């Protein structure tokens, strides 16, 4: 039996990515972020989203991609990870997709400059290649500890 899951589709540097919708709390417009000194480069700071302090991460930097200017389409994808609310800065959020598990393949070792260890796989939908990001693998233990410190 084919299994289908919902994914939130977004773009980074012109490449289509998606995350499993079960991790996504909300999609927010970019807002004022309070910088926190002496944190990793990809941690932009914190902000209040839905009355909860949220660590804001620039996903472009976390994935070792080229950083670009924020635009009117830039969004914060608010996800929950290990009990923490984290906002991921992405270039744009485009749609919610149902992706069938049969359409998901293992990712090559490096694709579009992103290491396969960060990916759940690659899906081809309507002739478009979509990199399925594994949020838990994108941030290692040291990164998660840094985020916990910022949220305290």
Protein backbone atom coordinates (compact mmCIF):
# COMPACT_ATOMS: atom_id res chain seq x y z
CA UNK A 1 0.00 0.00 0.00
CA UNK A 2 1.32 3.41 -0.96
CA UNK A 3 1.77 5.89 1.86
CA UNK A 4 1.47 9.63 1.30
CA UNK A 5 2.60 12.38 3.70
CA UNK A 6 2.17 16.13 3.68
CA UNK A 7 5.24 18.28 3.18
CA UNK A 8 5.73 22.05 3.31
CA UNK A 9 7.54 23.13 0.15
CA UNK A 10 9.99 26.05 0.37
CA UNK A 11 12.93 27.45 -1.55
CA UNK A 12 16.53 28.25 -0.65
CA UNK A 13 18.82 29.81 -3.25
CA UNK A 14 16.46 28.76 -6.05
CA UNK A 15 16.32 25.07 -5.03
CA UNK A 16 13.06 23.43 -3.91
CA UNK A 17 13.11 21.84 -0.44
CA UNK A 18 10.40 20.36 1.72
CA UNK A 19 9.96 19.38 5.36
CA UNK A 20 7.47 16.94 6.81
CA UNK A 21 4.41 18.99 7.80
CA UNK A 22 4.12 17.16 11.14
CA UNK A 23 7.05 19.24 12.44
CA UNK A 24 5.68 22.60 11.26
CA UNK A 25 3.77 24.77 13.73
CA UNK A 26 3.28 27.83 11.54
CA UNK A 27 4.65 29.95 8.73
CA UNK A 28 5.40 33.55 9.71
CA UNK A 29 6.56 36.72 8.00
CA UNK A 30 10.09 37.83 8.84
CA UNK A 31 10.03 39.97 11.97
CA UNK A 32 12.34 41.73 14.39
CA UNK A 33 14.99 39.34 15.70
CA UNK A 34 17.00 40.03 18.86
CA UNK A 35 20.61 39.02 18.31
CA UNK A 36 22.26 36.87 20.95
CA UNK A 37 26.03 37.37 21.29
CA UNK A 38 28.54 34.52 21.14
CA UNK A 39 26.35 32.04 19.31
CA UNK A 40 26.96 30.02 16.17
CA UNK A 41 26.82 31.99 12.94
CA UNK A 42 23.60 30.39 11.72
CA UNK A 43 21.70 31.30 14.92
CA UNK A 44 20.33 34.75 14.06
CA UNK A 45 18.85 35.30 17.51
CA UNK A 46 15.45 35.00 19.18
CA UNK A 47 11.98 36.42 18.74
CA UNK A 48 8.51 35.91 20.22
CA UNK A 49 6.18 33.83 18.06
CA UNK A 50 2.76 32.93 19.46
CA UNK A 51 3.85 33.97 22.96
CA UNK A 52 6.84 31.64 22.93
CA UNK A 53 10.51 32.53 22.69
CA UNK A 54 11.73 31.09 19.41
CA UNK A 55 15.34 30.56 18.30
CA UNK A 56 15.77 31.83 14.73
CA UNK A 57 18.11 29.93 12.42
CA UNK A 58 19.21 31.00 8.95
CA UNK A 59 18.77 27.70 7.16
CA UNK A 60 20.97 28.86 4.27
CA UNK A 61 23.95 29.20 6.62
CA UNK A 62 23.10 26.01 8.57
CA UNK A 63 23.21 24.05 5.30
CA UNK A 64 26.44 25.78 4.17
CA UNK A 65 24.67 27.48 1.27
CA UNK A 66 25.38 30.97 0.01
CA UNK A 67 23.55 33.54 2.12
CA UNK A 68 21.22 35.85 0.22
CA UNK A 69 19.35 39.03 1.04
CA UNK A 70 15.94 38.71 2.66
CA UNK A 71 12.99 39.76 0.48
CA UNK A 72 9.24 40.27 0.89
CA UNK A 73 8.88 36.52 0.24
CA UNK A 74 11.29 35.52 3.04
CA UNK A 75 9.49 33.52 5.70
CA UNK A 76 10.11 31.92 9.07
CA UNK A 77 9.10 28.27 9.05
CA UNK A 78 8.34 27.55 12.72
CA UNK A 79 9.05 23.93 13.63
CA UNK A 80 9.20 21.90 16.80
CA UNK A 81 12.28 19.81 17.46
CA UNK A 82 12.97 17.92 20.68
CA UNK A 83 10.58 20.17 22.59
CA UNK A 84 12.11 23.39 21.25
CA UNK A 85 10.33 25.89 19.02
CA UNK A 86 12.73 26.88 16.23
CA UNK A 87 12.20 29.33 13.39
CA UNK A 88 13.94 28.52 10.11
CA UNK A 89 14.55 31.46 7.77
CA UNK A 90 13.77 30.36 4.19
CA UNK A 91 13.60 32.34 0.94
CA UNK A 92 9.91 31.55 0.34
CA UNK A 93 7.25 29.01 1.29
CA UNK A 94 5.36 27.92 -1.79
CA UNK A 95 2.84 25.18 -1.05
CA UNK A 96 1.75 22.11 0.88
CA UNK A 97 2.32 18.90 -1.07
CA UNK A 98 1.23 15.30 -0.65
CA UNK A 99 4.26 13.22 -1.55
CA UNK A 100 3.87 9.50 -2.04
CA UNK A 101 6.56 7.35 -0.43
CA UNK A 102 7.05 5.61 -3.80
CA UNK A 103 8.23 8.95 -5.25
CA UNK A 104 11.00 9.33 -2.66
CA UNK A 105 14.49 8.07 -3.45
CA UNK A 106 17.69 8.08 -1.41
CA UNK A 107 19.67 11.27 -1.89
CA UNK A 108 23.04 11.19 -3.66
CA UNK A 109 25.97 11.93 -1.30
CA UNK A 110 25.96 15.63 -2.26
CA UNK A 111 23.22 17.35 -4.20
CA UNK A 112 22.92 21.10 -4.80
CA UNK A 113 25.75 21.62 -2.29
CA UNK A 114 23.80 19.99 0.56
CA UNK A 115 25.16 16.87 2.25
CA UNK A 116 22.91 13.82 1.97
CA UNK A 117 23.11 13.37 5.76
CA UNK A 118 20.74 16.37 6.06
CA UNK A 119 18.21 14.83 3.70
CA UNK A 120 15.41 12.32 4.16
CA UNK A 121 15.55 11.76 0.42
CA UNK A 122 14.75 13.30 -2.95
CA UNK A 123 11.29 13.41 -4.51
CA UNK A 124 10.31 14.14 -8.06
CA UNK A 125 6.93 15.84 -8.29
CA UNK A 126 5.59 17.30 -11.55
CA UNK A 127 9.07 17.12 -13.11
CA UNK A 128 10.51 19.12 -10.18
CA UNK A 129 13.29 17.71 -7.99
CA UNK A 130 12.55 18.40 -4.32
CA UNK A 131 15.10 17.84 -1.55
CA UNK A 132 13.35 16.48 1.54
CA UNK A 133 15.09 17.98 4.54
CA UNK A 134 15.38 15.97 7.75
CA UNK A 135 15.15 18.69 10.41
CA UNK A 136 16.55 16.48 13.19
CA UNK A 137 19.67 15.64 11.15
CA UNK A 138 20.23 19.21 9.98
CA UNK A 139 21.23 20.26 13.50
CA UNK A 140 23.78 18.13 15.33
CA UNK A 141 23.93 17.70 19.12
CA UNK A 142 26.29 20.66 19.55
CA UNK A 143 23.95 22.85 17.49
CA UNK A 144 20.95 21.76 19.56
CA UNK A 145 22.82 22.56 22.80
CA UNK A 146 23.59 26.03 21.42
CA UNK A 147 19.92 26.56 20.61
CA UNK A 148 18.86 25.41 24.09
CA UNK A 149 21.26 27.96 25.63
CA UNK A 150 19.77 30.75 23.50
CA UNK A 151 16.25 29.80 24.63
CA UNK A 152 17.10 29.89 28.35
